[in-house]
Amino acid sequence: MIYVSEEDRKRIALAKEAARAFAGMVGWMVEPCTSPMPSVLADFEYADRANIVMAHWQKKLSLTALIKAVAECRTDLLLVEPSHVSGKQAGNYITLLLWRDGEVQIITSLGMWLQEPGGPIHLVTNPDGGDEMRAFMVDRGGICPLPTLPWSTAEAERLGFWTARRHWELTIGGHYA
């Protein structure tokens, strides 16, 4: 049996709020995952137009079970995980499980990048991860890889991550720090 502490419950609630806020920012209309979907997806929501499950961190979550569910449903999955809990807000990271060409692709440690609030939403791999950076465009129709990164200067990169983090916090219900 897995013990879920008060801090775990707080992280789950923050991740769920952040996932819903992200879906709203993109314009996805989400509804609870239905019974034909694998039971591991029961606590999550689904955006039909984008064919994506919006998942949030839970202590009992199994990545292996999520991968099997994505393959079975032939859908994408976006998993929001708070990096740490500090007060009401936590920094959020995203993991994508993408159903492409008959297999599940896993992309971890993604951050949101925005040129400006209301502009196109991008997900970009962690620049400190050591691997070559990858970027994705997120819109109402789903998630598409980009051939290049969405910024042209180091300053634009820094500002875009900051803008996205603050905009997401405001959408969740926080305040600028």
Protein backbone atom coordinates (compact mmCIF):
# COMPACT_ATOMS: atom_id res chain seq x y z
CA MET A 1 0.00 0.00 0.00
CA ILE A 2 1.25 3.47 -0.87
CA TYR A 3 1.01 6.07 1.88
CA VAL A 4 -0.14 9.47 0.60
CA SER A 5 1.02 12.25 2.92
CA GLU A 6 -0.42 15.73 3.34
CA GLU A 7 2.40 17.10 1.17
CA ASP A 8 1.53 14.50 -1.51
CA ARG A 9 -2.12 15.62 -1.44
CA LYS A 10 -0.99 19.22 -1.80
CA ARG A 11 1.22 18.34 -4.79
CA ILE A 12 -1.66 16.41 -6.39
CA ALA A 13 -4.02 19.38 -5.97
CA LEU A 14 -1.45 21.84 -7.37
CA ALA A 15 -0.71 19.58 -10.33
CA LYS A 16 -4.42 19.14 -11.08
CA GLU A 17 -4.98 22.92 -10.98
CA ALA A 18 -1.96 23.47 -13.22
CA ALA A 19 -3.14 20.85 -15.75
CA ARG A 20 -6.59 22.45 -15.96
CA ALA A 21 -5.04 25.91 -16.30
CA PHE A 22 -2.77 24.68 -19.09
CA ALA A 23 -5.74 23.17 -20.95
CA GLY A 24 -7.60 26.48 -20.59
CA MET A 25 -4.62 28.48 -21.88
CA VAL A 26 -4.50 26.31 -25.00
CA GLY A 27 -8.27 26.37 -25.46
CA TRP A 28 -8.86 22.67 -24.90
CA MET A 29 -12.30 21.68 -23.65
CA VAL A 30 -11.67 18.78 -21.28
CA GLU A 31 -14.01 16.20 -19.83
CA PRO A 32 -13.41 13.29 -17.45
CA CYS A 33 -11.85 10.21 -19.03
CA THR A 34 -14.64 7.71 -19.66
CA SER A 35 -14.98 4.04 -18.80
CA PRO A 36 -13.78 2.68 -22.19
CA MET A 37 -10.35 4.13 -21.41
CA PRO A 38 -7.90 2.14 -19.26
CA SER A 39 -8.51 2.50 -15.52
CA VAL A 40 -5.10 4.19 -14.98
CA LEU A 41 -6.59 7.25 -16.76
CA ALA A 42 -9.74 7.39 -14.59
CA ASP A 43 -8.61 10.39 -12.50
CA PHE A 44 -7.67 12.48 -15.53
CA GLU A 45 -9.38 14.55 -18.21
CA TYR A 46 -9.50 14.22 -21.99
CA ALA A 47 -9.51 16.87 -24.74
CA ASP A 48 -11.25 15.21 -27.68
CA ARG A 49 -10.32 17.77 -30.36
CA ALA A 50 -6.61 17.44 -29.55
CA ASN A 51 -6.86 13.69 -28.77
CA ILE A 52 -4.89 14.18 -25.56
CA VAL A 53 -5.26 13.10 -21.94
CA MET A 54 -4.44 15.83 -19.39
CA ALA A 55 -2.81 14.03 -16.48
CA HIS A 56 -1.42 15.34 -13.22
CA TRP A 57 1.14 13.96 -10.80
CA GLN A 58 0.00 11.36 -8.28
CA LYS A 59 2.21 9.39 -5.95
CA LYS A 60 0.69 6.09 -7.07
CA LEU A 61 1.21 6.87 -10.77
CA SER A 62 3.09 4.30 -12.84
CA LEU A 63 4.84 5.56 -15.98
CA THR A 64 4.75 2.02 -17.38
CA ALA A 65 0.96 1.88 -16.94
CA LEU A 66 0.58 5.31 -18.59
CA ILE A 67 2.69 4.20 -21.56
CA LYS A 68 0.53 1.08 -21.98
CA ALA A 69 -2.65 3.21 -21.77
CA VAL A 70 -1.38 5.67 -24.40
CA ALA A 71 -0.53 2.77 -26.74
CA GLU A 72 -3.89 1.11 -26.13
CA CYS A 73 -5.91 4.31 -26.72
CA ARG A 74 -3.61 5.68 -29.43
CA THR A 75 -3.77 9.08 -27.83
CA ASP A 76 -1.25 11.57 -26.50
CA LEU A 77 -0.82 12.32 -22.80
CA LEU A 78 0.45 15.49 -21.14
CA LEU A 79 1.55 14.96 -17.52
CA VAL A 80 1.96 18.00 -15.25
CA GLU A 81 4.20 17.61 -12.23
CA PRO A 82 5.04 20.27 -9.64
CA SER A 83 8.80 20.41 -9.17
CA HIS A 84 8.48 21.34 -5.53
CA VAL A 85 5.91 22.82 -3.19
CA SER A 86 6.63 26.24 -1.73
CA GLY A 87 3.66 28.05 -0.31
CA LYS A 88 0.72 28.00 -2.70
CA GLN A 89 2.69 27.91 -5.94
CA ALA A 90 5.03 25.28 -7.29
CA GLY A 91 7.10 25.29 -10.42
CA ASN A 92 5.62 22.89 -12.99
CA TYR A 93 7.26 20.53 -15.43
CA ILE A 94 5.61 18.60 -18.22
CA THR A 95 6.20 15.12 -19.57
CA LEU A 96 4.72 14.19 -22.94
CA LEU A 97 3.78 10.70 -24.01
CA LEU A 98 3.13 11.04 -27.74
CA TRP A 99 1.56 8.32 -29.87
CA ARG A 100 3.44 8.59 -33.17
CA ASP A 101 4.01 6.07 -35.95
CA GLY A 102 2.74 3.13 -33.90
CA GLU A 103 4.84 3.75 -30.79
CA VAL A 104 4.94 5.92 -27.70
CA GLN A 105 7.57 8.67 -27.60
CA ILE A 106 8.50 9.98 -24.14
CA ILE A 107 9.74 13.55 -23.74
CA THR A 108 10.52 14.65 -20.17
CA SER A 109 11.41 17.86 -18.35
CA LEU A 110 9.56 20.21 -20.66
CA GLY A 111 8.97 23.82 -19.76
CA MET A 112 6.47 26.22 -21.26
CA TRP A 113 7.73 29.12 -23.36
CA LEU A 114 5.64 32.13 -24.48
CA GLN A 115 6.68 35.13 -26.49
CA GLU A 116 3.69 36.99 -25.00
CA PRO A 117 0.49 36.07 -23.14
CA GLY A 118 -2.11 35.00 -25.66
CA GLY A 119 0.59 34.07 -28.18
CA PRO A 120 1.45 30.56 -29.35
CA ILE A 121 2.33 28.13 -26.57
CA HIS A 122 5.54 26.16 -26.91
CA LEU A 123 6.92 23.30 -24.85
CA VAL A 124 10.71 23.12 -24.81
CA THR A 125 13.04 20.56 -23.26
CA ASN A 126 15.15 21.71 -20.33
CA PRO A 127 18.12 23.73 -21.64
CA ASP A 128 20.28 22.34 -18.82
CA GLY A 129 19.41 18.72 -19.62
CA GLY A 130 22.53 18.11 -21.69
CA ASP A 131 20.69 16.68 -24.70
CA GLU A 132 19.87 18.62 -27.83
CA MET A 133 16.90 20.87 -27.11
CA ARG A 134 13.54 20.05 -28.70
CA ALA A 135 10.49 22.27 -29.08
CA PHE A 136 6.80 21.63 -29.67
CA MET A 137 3.93 23.91 -30.65
CA VAL A 138 0.74 23.38 -28.68
CA ASP A 139 -2.60 24.53 -30.06
CA ARG A 140 -6.27 23.51 -30.07
CA GLY A 141 -5.52 20.70 -32.50
CA GLY A 142 -2.80 19.10 -30.38
CA ILE A 143 0.98 18.97 -30.14
CA CYS A 144 3.38 19.23 -33.10
CA PRO A 145 7.19 19.14 -33.09
CA LEU A 146 8.97 22.25 -34.34
CA PRO A 147 12.03 22.10 -36.59
CA THR A 148 13.75 24.90 -34.64
CA LEU A 149 13.56 26.55 -31.24
CA PRO A 150 10.99 29.38 -30.98
CA TRP A 151 13.47 32.12 -30.01
CA SER A 152 16.40 33.77 -31.76
CA THR A 153 18.41 35.25 -28.86
CA ALA A 154 19.42 34.23 -25.34
CA GLU A 155 17.44 37.18 -23.96
CA ALA A 156 14.30 36.08 -25.83
CA GLU A 157 14.80 32.55 -24.46
CA ARG A 158 15.05 33.78 -20.85
CA LEU A 159 12.14 36.20 -21.19
CA GLY A 160 9.91 33.58 -22.85
CA PHE A 161 10.37 31.08 -20.02
CA TRP A 162 9.76 33.82 -17.44
CA THR A 163 6.63 35.06 -19.27
CA ALA A 164 5.23 31.54 -19.55
CA ARG A 165 5.86 30.75 -15.87
CA ARG A 166 4.19 33.97 -14.70
CA HIS A 167 1.26 33.63 -17.10
CA TRP A 168 0.67 30.04 -15.98
CA GLU A 169 0.79 31.12 -12.31
CA LEU A 170 -1.78 33.84 -12.99
CA THR A 171 -4.02 31.42 -14.85
CA ILE A 172 -3.83 29.00 -11.92
CA GLY A 173 -4.79 31.85 -9.60
CA GLY A 174 -1.46 33.07 -8.28
CA HIS A 175 0.12 36.48 -8.37
CA TYR A 176 3.29 37.83 -9.92
CA ALA A 177 6.20 37.51 -7.50
